[in-house]
PDB file of all heavy atoms in Angstrom:
ATOM      1  N   LEU A   1     -78.950 148.070 -21.183  1.00  0.00           N
ATOM      2  CA  LEU A   1     -80.357 147.677 -21.322  1.00  0.00           C
ATOM      3  C   LEU A   1     -80.491 146.188 -21.570  1.00  0.00           C
ATOM      4  O   LEU A   1     -81.397 145.527 -21.048  1.00  0.00           O
ATOM      5  CB  LEU A   1     -81.006 148.472 -22.454  1.00  0.00           C
ATOM      6  CG  LEU A   1     -81.334 149.934 -22.155  1.00  0.00           C
ATOM      7  CD1 LEU A   1     -81.810 150.646 -23.416  1.00  0.00           C
ATOM      8  CD2 LEU A   1     -82.406 150.025 -21.074  1.00  0.00           C
ATOM      9  N   GLY A   2     -79.595 145.626 -22.393  1.00  0.00           N
ATOM     10  CA  GLY A   2     -79.630 144.184 -22.637  1.00  0.00           C
ATOM     11  C   GLY A   2     -79.370 143.389 -21.378  1.00  0.00           C
ATOM     12  O   GLY A   2     -80.030 142.372 -21.122  1.00  0.00           O
ATOM     13  N   GLY A   3     -78.409 143.836 -20.550  1.00  0.00           N
ATOM     14  CA  GLY A   3     -78.132 143.150 -19.299  1.00  0.00           C
ATOM     15  C   GLY A   3     -79.301 143.215 -18.333  1.00  0.00           C
ATOM     16  O   GLY A   3     -79.606 142.231 -17.644  1.00  0.00           O
ATOM     17  N   ILE A   4     -79.963 144.376 -18.263  1.00  0.00           N
ATOM     18  CA  ILE A   4     -81.127 144.518 -17.379  1.00  0.00           C
ATOM     19  C   ILE A   4     -82.258 143.608 -17.854  1.00  0.00           C
ATOM     20  O   ILE A   4     -82.926 142.942 -17.051  1.00  0.00           O
ATOM     21  CB  ILE A   4     -81.582 145.986 -17.341  1.00  0.00           C
ATOM     22  CG1 ILE A   4     -80.514 146.843 -16.654  1.00  0.00           C
ATOM     23  CG2 ILE A   4     -82.916 146.118 -16.614  1.00  0.00           C
ATOM     24  CD1 ILE A   4     -80.789 148.326 -16.732  1.00  0.00           C
ATOM     25  N   ARG A   5     -82.478 143.568 -19.150  1.00  0.00           N
ATOM     26  CA  ARG A   5     -83.506 142.673 -19.687  1.00  0.00           C
ATOM     27  C   ARG A   5     -83.200 141.215 -19.344  1.00  0.00           C
ATOM     28  O   ARG A   5     -84.093 140.451 -18.990  1.00  0.00           O
ATOM     29  CB  ARG A   5     -83.581 142.829 -21.202  1.00  0.00           C
ATOM     30  CG  ARG A   5     -84.288 144.080 -21.682  1.00  0.00           C
ATOM     31  CD  ARG A   5     -84.379 144.066 -23.191  1.00  0.00           C
ATOM     32  NE  ARG A   5     -85.161 145.179 -23.716  1.00  0.00           N
ATOM     33  CZ  ARG A   5     -85.499 145.307 -24.983  1.00  0.00           C
ATOM     34  NH1 ARG A   5     -85.108 144.391 -25.867  1.00  0.00           N
ATOM     35  NH2 ARG A   5     -86.216 146.331 -25.395  1.00  0.00           N
ATOM     36  N   ALA A   6     -81.923 140.846 -19.471  1.00  0.00           N
ATOM     37  CA  ALA A   6     -81.541 139.458 -19.199  1.00  0.00           C
ATOM     38  C   ALA A   6     -81.841 139.076 -17.758  1.00  0.00           C
ATOM     39  O   ALA A   6     -82.366 137.980 -17.493  1.00  0.00           O
ATOM     40  CB  ALA A   6     -80.055 139.262 -19.501  1.00  0.00           C
ATOM     41  N   SER A   7     -81.521 139.960 -16.815  1.00  0.00           N
ATOM     42  CA  SER A   7     -81.750 139.647 -15.404  1.00  0.00           C
ATOM     43  C   SER A   7     -83.232 139.481 -15.106  1.00  0.00           C
ATOM     44  O   SER A   7     -83.643 138.519 -14.438  1.00  0.00           O
ATOM     45  CB  SER A   7     -81.149 140.741 -14.522  1.00  0.00           C
ATOM     46  OG  SER A   7     -81.758 142.001 -14.797  1.00  0.00           O
ATOM     47  N   ALA A   8     -84.065 140.381 -15.611  1.00  0.00           N
ATOM     48  CA  ALA A   8     -85.505 140.279 -15.372  1.00  0.00           C
ATOM     49  C   ALA A   8     -86.090 139.042 -16.041  1.00  0.00           C
ATOM     50  O   ALA A   8     -86.936 138.346 -15.465  1.00  0.00           O
ATOM     51  CB  ALA A   8     -86.198 141.541 -15.891  1.00  0.00           C
ATOM     52  N   GLN A   9     -85.636 138.759 -17.244  1.00  0.00           N
ATOM     53  CA  GLN A   9     -86.164 137.620 -18.005  1.00  0.00           C
ATOM     54  C   GLN A   9     -85.828 136.293 -17.332  1.00  0.00           C
ATOM     55  O   GLN A   9     -86.701 135.435 -17.147  1.00  0.00           O
ATOM     56  CB  GLN A   9     -85.588 137.652 -19.414  1.00  0.00           C
ATOM     57  CG  GLN A   9     -85.959 136.475 -20.291  1.00  0.00           C
ATOM     58  CD  GLN A   9     -85.434 136.659 -21.714  1.00  0.00           C
ATOM     59  OE1 GLN A   9     -85.501 137.752 -22.267  1.00  0.00           O
ATOM     60  NE2 GLN A   9     -84.905 135.598 -22.292  1.00  0.00           N
ATOM     61  N   LEU A  10     -84.572 136.116 -16.951  1.00  0.00           N
ATOM     62  CA  LEU A  10     -84.169 134.832 -16.390  1.00  0.00           C
ATOM     63  C   LEU A  10     -84.771 134.593 -15.012  1.00  0.00           C
ATOM     64  O   LEU A  10     -85.150 133.468 -14.689  1.00  0.00           O
ATOM     65  CB  LEU A  10     -82.637 134.736 -16.335  1.00  0.00           C
ATOM     66  CG  LEU A  10     -82.005 134.102 -17.572  1.00  0.00           C
ATOM     67  CD1 LEU A  10     -82.163 135.015 -18.801  1.00  0.00           C
ATOM     68  CD2 LEU A  10     -80.524 133.810 -17.353  1.00  0.00           C
ATOM     69  N   ILE A  11     -84.885 135.656 -14.203  1.00  0.00           N
ATOM     70  CA  ILE A  11     -85.521 135.484 -12.894  1.00  0.00           C
ATOM     71  C   ILE A  11     -86.983 135.079 -13.063  1.00  0.00           C
ATOM     72  O   ILE A  11     -87.491 134.189 -12.374  1.00  0.00           O
ATOM     73  CB  ILE A  11     -85.411 136.787 -12.071  1.00  0.00           C
ATOM     74  CG1 ILE A  11     -83.960 137.017 -11.654  1.00  0.00           C
ATOM     75  CG2 ILE A  11     -86.313 136.742 -10.845  1.00  0.00           C
ATOM     76  CD1 ILE A  11     -83.706 138.362 -11.035  1.00  0.00           C
ATOM     77  N   SER A  12     -87.669 135.700 -14.001  1.00  0.00           N
ATOM     78  CA  SER A  12     -89.086 135.421 -14.205  1.00  0.00           C
ATOM     79  C   SER A  12     -89.330 133.986 -14.654  1.00  0.00           C
ATOM     80  O   SER A  12     -90.223 133.305 -14.149  1.00  0.00           O
ATOM     81  CB  SER A  12     -89.658 136.398 -15.241  1.00  0.00           C
ATOM     82  OG  SER A  12     -89.485 137.736 -14.830  1.00  0.00           O
ATOM     83  N   TYR A  13     -88.534 133.522 -15.591  1.00  0.00           N
ATOM     84  CA  TYR A  13     -88.793 132.203 -16.164  1.00  0.00           C
ATOM     85  C   TYR A  13     -88.162 131.070 -15.360  1.00  0.00           C
ATOM     86  O   TYR A  13     -88.574 129.917 -15.491  1.00  0.00           O
ATOM     87  CB  TYR A  13     -88.313 132.163 -17.621  1.00  0.00           C
ATOM     88  CG  TYR A  13     -89.283 132.839 -18.547  1.00  0.00           C
ATOM     89  CD1 TYR A  13     -89.289 134.219 -18.701  1.00  0.00           C
ATOM     90  CD2 TYR A  13     -90.225 132.110 -19.256  1.00  0.00           C
ATOM     91  CE1 TYR A  13     -90.188 134.850 -19.541  1.00  0.00           C
ATOM     92  CE2 TYR A  13     -91.138 132.726 -20.103  1.00  0.00           C
ATOM     93  CZ  TYR A  13     -91.111 134.099 -20.237  1.00  0.00           C
ATOM     94  OH  TYR A  13     -92.008 134.723 -21.066  1.00  0.00           O
ATOM     95  N   GLU A  14     -87.171 131.385 -14.516  1.00  0.00           N
ATOM     96  CA  GLU A  14     -86.603 130.348 -13.661  1.00  0.00           C
ATOM     97  C   GLU A  14     -87.621 129.842 -12.647  1.00  0.00           C
ATOM     98  O   GLU A  14     -87.607 128.669 -12.274  1.00  0.00           O
ATOM     99  CB  GLU A  14     -85.369 130.879 -12.934  1.00  0.00           C
ATOM    100  CG  GLU A  14     -84.085 130.705 -13.727  1.00  0.00           C
ATOM    101  CD  GLU A  14     -82.871 131.187 -12.962  1.00  0.00           C
ATOM    102  OE1 GLU A  14     -83.064 131.728 -11.853  1.00  0.00           O
ATOM    103  OE2 GLU A  14     -81.758 131.032 -13.474  1.00  0.00           O
ATOM    104  N   LEU A  15     -88.509 130.707 -12.200  1.00  0.00           N
ATOM    105  CA  LEU A  15     -89.520 130.290 -11.227  1.00  0.00           C
ATOM    106  C   LEU A  15     -90.453 129.242 -11.827  1.00  0.00           C
ATOM    107  O   LEU A  15     -90.730 128.205 -11.211  1.00  0.00           O
ATOM    108  CB  LEU A  15     -90.315 131.506 -10.751  1.00  0.00           C
ATOM    109  CG  LEU A  15     -89.531 132.545  -9.949  1.00  0.00           C
ATOM    110  CD1 LEU A  15     -90.390 133.765  -9.685  1.00  0.00           C
ATOM    111  CD2 LEU A  15     -89.037 131.948  -8.649  1.00  0.00           C
ATOM    112  N   ALA A  16     -90.940 129.490 -13.034  1.00  0.00           N
ATOM    113  CA  ALA A  16     -91.815 128.525 -13.690  1.00  0.00           C
ATOM    114  C   ALA A  16     -91.074 127.228 -13.973  1.00  0.00           C
ATOM    115  O   ALA A  16     -91.623 126.128 -13.798  1.00  0.00           O
ATOM    116  CB  ALA A  16     -92.375 129.118 -14.985  1.00  0.00           C
ATOM    117  N   MET A  17     -89.825 127.328 -14.421  1.00  0.00           N
ATOM    118  CA  MET A  17     -89.042 126.124 -14.695  1.00  0.00           C
ATOM    119  C   MET A  17     -88.823 125.307 -13.422  1.00  0.00           C
ATOM    120  O   MET A  17     -88.944 124.068 -13.427  1.00  0.00           O
ATOM    121  CB  MET A  17     -87.704 126.496 -15.314  1.00  0.00           C
ATOM    122  CG  MET A  17     -86.777 125.312 -15.544  1.00  0.00           C
ATOM    123  SD  MET A  17     -85.187 125.748 -16.266  1.00  0.00           S
ATOM    124  CE  MET A  17     -85.674 126.005 -17.958  1.00  0.00           C
ATOM    125  N   ALA A  18     -88.496 125.984 -12.319  1.00  0.00           N
ATOM    126  CA  ALA A  18     -88.256 125.271 -11.063  1.00  0.00           C
ATOM    127  C   ALA A  18     -89.507 124.536 -10.599  1.00  0.00           C
ATOM    128  O   ALA A  18     -89.427 123.396 -10.100  1.00  0.00           O
ATOM    129  CB  ALA A  18     -87.795 126.252  -9.987  1.00  0.00           C
ATOM    130  N   LEU A  19     -90.680 125.143 -10.768  1.00  0.00           N
ATOM    131  CA  LEU A  19     -91.926 124.475 -10.379  1.00  0.00           C
ATOM    132  C   LEU A  19     -92.201 123.257 -11.266  1.00  0.00           C
ATOM    133  O   LEU A  19     -92.675 122.227 -10.790  1.00  0.00           O
ATOM    134  CB  LEU A  19     -93.093 125.461 -10.457  1.00  0.00           C
ATOM    135  CG  LEU A  19     -93.105 126.574  -9.404  1.00  0.00           C
ATOM    136  CD1 LEU A  19     -94.252 127.535  -9.664  1.00  0.00           C
ATOM    137  CD2 LEU A  19     -93.204 125.989  -8.010  1.00  0.00           C
ATOM    138  N   ALA A  20     -91.901 123.374 -12.555  1.00  0.00           N
ATOM    139  CA  ALA A  20     -92.086 122.233 -13.458  1.00  0.00           C
ATOM    140  C   ALA A  20     -91.149 121.086 -13.084  1.00  0.00           C
ATOM    141  O   ALA A  20     -91.548 119.910 -13.085  1.00  0.00           O
ATOM    142  CB  ALA A  20     -91.850 122.665 -14.908  1.00  0.00           C
ATOM    143  N   VAL A  21     -89.905 121.413 -12.751  1.00  0.00           N
ATOM    144  CA  VAL A  21     -88.942 120.381 -12.342  1.00  0.00           C
ATOM    145  C   VAL A  21     -89.365 119.757 -11.023  1.00  0.00           C
ATOM    146  O   VAL A  21     -89.260 118.531 -10.836  1.00  0.00           O
ATOM    147  CB  VAL A  21     -87.533 120.984 -12.241  1.00  0.00           C
ATOM    148  CG1 VAL A  21     -86.559 119.988 -11.638  1.00  0.00           C
ATOM    149  CG2 VAL A  21     -87.048 121.422 -13.618  1.00  0.00           C
ATOM    150  N   LEU A  22     -89.840 120.567 -10.089  1.00  0.00           N
ATOM    151  CA  LEU A  22     -90.283 120.052  -8.795  1.00  0.00           C
ATOM    152  C   LEU A  22     -91.416 119.047  -8.962  1.00  0.00           C
ATOM    153  O   LEU A  22     -91.474 118.029  -8.257  1.00  0.00           O
ATOM    154  CB  LEU A  22     -90.720 121.212  -7.898  1.00  0.00           C
ATOM    155  CG  LEU A  22     -91.161 120.851  -6.476  1.00  0.00           C
ATOM    156  CD1 LEU A  22     -90.035 120.166  -5.731  1.00  0.00           C
ATOM    157  CD2 LEU A  22     -91.623 122.101  -5.728  1.00  0.00           C
ATOM    158  N   ALA A  23     -92.315 119.306  -9.905  1.00  0.00           N
ATOM    159  CA  ALA A  23     -93.412 118.375 -10.149  1.00  0.00           C
ATOM    160  C   ALA A  23     -92.889 117.016 -10.620  1.00  0.00           C
ATOM    161  O   ALA A  23     -93.462 115.970 -10.293  1.00  0.00           O
ATOM    162  CB  ALA A  23     -94.375 118.955 -11.179  1.00  0.00           C
ATOM    163  N   VAL A  24     -91.802 117.008 -11.386  1.00  0.00           N
ATOM    164  CA  VAL A  24     -91.204 115.743 -11.829  1.00  0.00           C
ATOM    165  C   VAL A  24     -90.628 114.978 -10.639  1.00  0.00           C
ATOM    166  O   VAL A  24     -90.707 113.744 -10.572  1.00  0.00           O
ATOM    167  CB  VAL A  24     -90.097 116.008 -12.876  1.00  0.00           C
ATOM    168  CG1 VAL A  24     -89.317 114.737 -13.192  1.00  0.00           C
ATOM    169  CG2 VAL A  24     -90.701 116.574 -14.146  1.00  0.00           C
ATOM    170  N   LEU A  25     -90.058 115.705  -9.678  1.00  0.00           N
ATOM    171  CA  LEU A  25     -89.367 115.063  -8.566  1.00  0.00           C
ATOM    172  C   LEU A  25     -90.312 114.515  -7.501  1.00  0.00           C
ATOM    173  O   LEU A  25     -89.931 113.616  -6.751  1.00  0.00           O
ATOM    174  CB  LEU A  25     -88.406 116.062  -7.919  1.00  0.00           C
ATOM    175  CG  LEU A  25     -87.339 116.671  -8.838  1.00  0.00           C
ATOM    176  CD1 LEU A  25     -86.513 117.689  -8.075  1.00  0.00           C
ATOM    177  CD2 LEU A  25     -86.452 115.592  -9.427  1.00  0.00           C
ATOM    178  N   ILE A  26     -91.528 115.037  -7.416  1.00  0.00           N
ATOM    179  CA  ILE A  26     -92.442 114.622  -6.352  1.00  0.00           C
ATOM    180  C   ILE A  26     -92.734 113.127  -6.399  1.00  0.00           C
ATOM    181  O   ILE A  26     -92.579 112.421  -5.388  1.00  0.00           O
ATOM    182  CB  ILE A  26     -93.741 115.455  -6.399  1.00  0.00           C
ATOM    183  CG1 ILE A  26     -93.458 116.879  -5.905  1.00  0.00           C
ATOM    184  CG2 ILE A  26     -94.832 114.807  -5.548  1.00  0.00           C
ATOM    185  CD1 ILE A  26     -94.656 117.807  -6.005  1.00  0.00           C
ATOM    186  N   PRO A  27     -93.191 112.550  -7.531  1.00  0.00           N
ATOM    187  CA  PRO A  27     -93.432 111.096  -7.524  1.00  0.00           C
ATOM    188  C   PRO A  27     -92.162 110.262  -7.412  1.00  0.00           C
ATOM    189  O   PRO A  27     -92.212 109.128  -6.927  1.00  0.00           O
ATOM    190  CB  PRO A  27     -94.138 110.858  -8.871  1.00  0.00           C
ATOM    191  CG  PRO A  27     -93.756 112.003  -9.722  1.00  0.00           C
ATOM    192  CD  PRO A  27     -93.588 113.165  -8.805  1.00  0.00           C
ATOM    193  N   VAL A  28     -91.018 110.808  -7.844  1.00  0.00           N
ATOM    194  CA  VAL A  28     -89.753 110.071  -7.744  1.00  0.00           C
ATOM    195  C   VAL A  28     -89.290 110.016  -6.296  1.00  0.00           C
ATOM    196  O   VAL A  28     -88.734 109.009  -5.837  1.00  0.00           O
ATOM    197  CB  VAL A  28     -88.676 110.735  -8.629  1.00  0.00           C
ATOM    198  CG1 VAL A  28     -87.349 109.997  -8.503  1.00  0.00           C
ATOM    199  CG2 VAL A  28     -89.123 110.758 -10.080  1.00  0.00           C
ATOM    200  N   GLY A  29     -89.495 111.109  -5.568  1.00  0.00           N
ATOM    201  CA  GLY A  29     -89.078 111.169  -4.172  1.00  0.00           C
ATOM    202  C   GLY A  29     -87.600 111.364  -3.984  1.00  0.00           C
ATOM    203  O   GLY A  29     -87.040 110.990  -2.941  1.00  0.00           O
ATOM    204  N   SER A  30     -86.920 111.948  -4.983  1.00  0.00           N
ATOM    205  CA  SER A  30     -85.483 112.150  -4.898  1.00  0.00           C
ATOM    206  C   SER A  30     -85.063 113.277  -5.826  1.00  0.00           C
ATOM    207  O   SER A  30     -85.710 113.509  -6.856  1.00  0.00           O
ATOM    208  CB  SER A  30     -84.741 110.865  -5.267  1.00  0.00           C
ATOM    209  OG  SER A  30     -83.342 111.081  -5.342  1.00  0.00           O
ATOM    210  N   PHE A  31     -83.961 113.951  -5.449  1.00  0.00           N
ATOM    211  CA  PHE A  31     -83.360 114.972  -6.312  1.00  0.00           C
ATOM    212  C   PHE A  31     -82.286 114.382  -7.225  1.00  0.00           C
ATOM    213  O   PHE A  31     -81.655 115.107  -7.974  1.00  0.00           O
ATOM    214  CB  PHE A  31     -82.728 116.087  -5.464  1.00  0.00           C
ATOM    215  CG  PHE A  31     -83.726 116.944  -4.747  1.00  0.00           C
ATOM    216  CD1 PHE A  31     -83.962 116.778  -3.397  1.00  0.00           C
ATOM    217  CD2 PHE A  31     -84.431 117.925  -5.433  1.00  0.00           C
ATOM    218  CE1 PHE A  31     -84.885 117.571  -2.727  1.00  0.00           C
ATOM    219  CE2 PHE A  31     -85.349 118.731  -4.774  1.00  0.00           C
ATOM    220  CZ  PHE A  31     -85.575 118.544  -3.423  1.00  0.00           C
ATOM    221  N   HIS A  32     -82.077 113.091  -7.143  1.00  0.00           N
ATOM    222  CA  HIS A  32     -81.030 112.412  -7.896  1.00  0.00           C
ATOM    223  C   HIS A  32     -81.517 112.141  -9.315  1.00  0.00           C
ATOM    224  O   HIS A  32     -82.548 111.488  -9.520  1.00  0.00           O
ATOM    225  CB  HIS A  32     -80.678 111.097  -7.194  1.00  0.00           C
ATOM    226  CG  HIS A  32     -79.401 110.486  -7.669  1.00  0.00           C
ATOM    227  ND1 HIS A  32     -79.309 109.803  -8.855  1.00  0.00           N
ATOM    228  CD2 HIS A  32     -78.166 110.448  -7.115  1.00  0.00           C
ATOM    229  CE1 HIS A  32     -78.077 109.357  -9.016  1.00  0.00           C
ATOM    230  NE2 HIS A  32     -77.352 109.738  -7.966  1.00  0.00           N
ATOM    231  N   LEU A  33     -80.785 112.619 -10.311  1.00  0.00           N
ATOM    232  CA  LEU A  33     -81.234 112.462 -11.696  1.00  0.00           C
ATOM    233  C   LEU A  33     -81.218 111.001 -12.139  1.00  0.00           C
ATOM    234  O   LEU A  33     -82.007 110.604 -13.002  1.00  0.00           O
ATOM    235  CB  LEU A  33     -80.349 113.297 -12.625  1.00  0.00           C
ATOM    236  CG  LEU A  33     -80.678 114.792 -12.663  1.00  0.00           C
ATOM    237  CD1 LEU A  33     -79.611 115.562 -13.419  1.00  0.00           C
ATOM    238  CD2 LEU A  33     -82.045 115.026 -13.297  1.00  0.00           C
ATOM    239  N   GLY A  34     -80.331 110.196 -11.572  1.00  0.00           N
ATOM    240  CA  GLY A  34     -80.340 108.771 -11.893  1.00  0.00           C
ATOM    241  C   GLY A  34     -81.635 108.105 -11.462  1.00  0.00           C
ATOM    242  O   GLY A  34     -82.168 107.230 -12.161  1.00  0.00           O
ATOM    243  N   ARG A  35     -82.177 108.520 -10.306  1.00  0.00           N
ATOM    244  CA  ARG A  35     -83.462 107.960  -9.838  1.00  0.00           C
ATOM    245  C   ARG A  35     -84.608 108.410 -10.751  1.00  0.00           C
ATOM    246  O   ARG A  35     -85.560 107.671 -10.975  1.00  0.00           O
ATOM    247  CB  ARG A  35     -83.740 108.421  -8.405  1.00  0.00           C
ATOM    248  CG  ARG A  35     -82.615 108.187  -7.426  1.00  0.00           C
ATOM    249  CD  ARG A  35     -82.401 106.717  -7.107  1.00  0.00           C
ATOM    250  NE  ARG A  35     -81.267 106.566  -6.212  1.00  0.00           N
ATOM    251  CZ  ARG A  35     -80.017 106.387  -6.597  1.00  0.00           C
ATOM    252  NH1 ARG A  35     -79.739 106.334  -7.909  1.00  0.00           N
ATOM    253  NH2 ARG A  35     -79.033 106.253  -5.731  1.00  0.00           N
ATOM    254  N   VAL A  36     -84.499 109.619 -11.282  1.00  0.00           N
ATOM    255  CA  VAL A  36     -85.521 110.102 -12.221  1.00  0.00           C
ATOM    256  C   VAL A  36     -85.551 109.231 -13.465  1.00  0.00           C
ATOM    257  O   VAL A  36     -86.623 108.871 -13.972  1.00  0.00           O
ATOM    258  CB  VAL A  36     -85.250 111.573 -12.594  1.00  0.00           C
ATOM    259  CG1 VAL A  36     -86.237 112.050 -13.648  1.00  0.00           C
ATOM    260  CG2 VAL A  36     -85.332 112.455 -11.363  1.00  0.00           C
ATOM    261  N   VAL A  37     -84.382 108.854 -13.973  1.00  0.00           N
ATOM    262  CA  VAL A  37     -84.318 107.974 -15.145  1.00  0.00           C
ATOM    263  C   VAL A  37     -84.893 106.602 -14.801  1.00  0.00           C
ATOM    264  O   VAL A  37     -85.673 106.029 -15.575  1.00  0.00           O
ATOM    265  CB  VAL A  37     -82.869 107.850 -15.642  1.00  0.00           C
ATOM    266  CG1 VAL A  37     -82.775 106.839 -16.789  1.00  0.00           C
ATOM    267  CG2 VAL A  37     -82.346 109.203 -16.106  1.00  0.00           C
ATOM    268  N   ASP A  38     -84.517 106.046 -13.650  1.00  0.00           N
ATOM    269  CA  ASP A  38     -85.022 104.729 -13.241  1.00  0.00           C
ATOM    270  C   ASP A  38     -86.539 104.734 -13.121  1.00  0.00           C
ATOM    271  O   ASP A  38     -87.204 103.745 -13.471  1.00  0.00           O
ATOM    272  CB  ASP A  38     -84.401 104.322 -11.903  1.00  0.00           C
ATOM    273  CG  ASP A  38     -82.893 104.097 -12.015  1.00  0.00           C
ATOM    274  OD1 ASP A  38     -82.416 103.839 -13.143  1.00  0.00           O
ATOM    275  OD2 ASP A  38     -82.197 104.197 -10.978  1.00  0.00           O
ATOM    276  N   TYR A  39     -87.109 105.823 -12.639  1.00  0.00           N
ATOM    277  CA  TYR A  39     -88.554 105.923 -12.461  1.00  0.00           C
ATOM    278  C   TYR A  39     -89.303 105.836 -13.789  1.00  0.00           C
ATOM    279  O   TYR A  39     -90.458 105.394 -13.835  1.00  0.00           O
ATOM    280  CB  TYR A  39     -88.881 107.245 -11.749  1.00  0.00           C
ATOM    281  CG  TYR A  39     -90.346 107.502 -11.549  1.00  0.00           C
ATOM    282  CD1 TYR A  39     -91.032 106.915 -10.501  1.00  0.00           C
ATOM    283  CD2 TYR A  39     -91.058 108.344 -12.412  1.00  0.00           C
ATOM    284  CE1 TYR A  39     -92.386 107.154 -10.307  1.00  0.00           C
ATOM    285  CE2 TYR A  39     -92.406 108.585 -12.234  1.00  0.00           C
ATOM    286  CZ  TYR A  39     -93.063 107.985 -11.183  1.00  0.00           C
ATOM    287  OH  TYR A  39     -94.410 108.214 -11.005  1.00  0.00           O
ATOM    288  N   GLN A  40     -88.649 106.221 -14.884  1.00  0.00           N
ATOM    289  CA  GLN A  40     -89.315 106.301 -16.189  1.00  0.00           C
ATOM    290  C   GLN A  40     -89.160 105.040 -17.036  1.00  0.00           C
ATOM    291  O   GLN A  40     -89.512 105.060 -18.219  1.00  0.00           O
ATOM    292  CB  GLN A  40     -88.765 107.493 -16.982  1.00  0.00           C
ATOM    293  CG  GLN A  40     -89.011 108.830 -16.327  1.00  0.00           C
ATOM    294  CD  GLN A  40     -88.413 109.974 -17.115  1.00  0.00           C
ATOM    295  OE1 GLN A  40     -88.966 110.424 -18.114  1.00  0.00           O
ATOM    296  NE2 GLN A  40     -87.261 110.452 -16.663  1.00  0.00           N
ATOM    297  N   HIS A  41     -88.643 103.963 -16.476  1.00  0.00           N
ATOM    298  CA  HIS A  41     -88.465 102.754 -17.273  1.00  0.00           C
ATOM    299  C   HIS A  41     -89.797 102.215 -17.800  1.00  0.00           C
ATOM    300  O   HIS A  41     -89.855 101.632 -18.878  1.00  0.00           O
ATOM    301  CB  HIS A  41     -87.760 101.678 -16.446  1.00  0.00           C
ATOM    302  CG  HIS A  41     -86.268 101.856 -16.401  1.00  0.00           C
ATOM    303  ND1 HIS A  41     -85.583 102.621 -17.308  1.00  0.00           N
ATOM    304  CD2 HIS A  41     -85.326 101.362 -15.547  1.00  0.00           C
ATOM    305  CE1 HIS A  41     -84.292 102.595 -17.037  1.00  0.00           C
ATOM    306  NE2 HIS A  41     -84.109 101.845 -15.958  1.00  0.00           N
TER     307      HIS A  41
END
């Protein structure tokens, strides 16, 4: 039961997390984390 809960929980919340991360990358224009840091200077 714990394993089943874990799979449902992580799949559900990974979608929201991925959308939040994607929003950060849009103005940067890159998937490179170094460029994300440079953008925030």
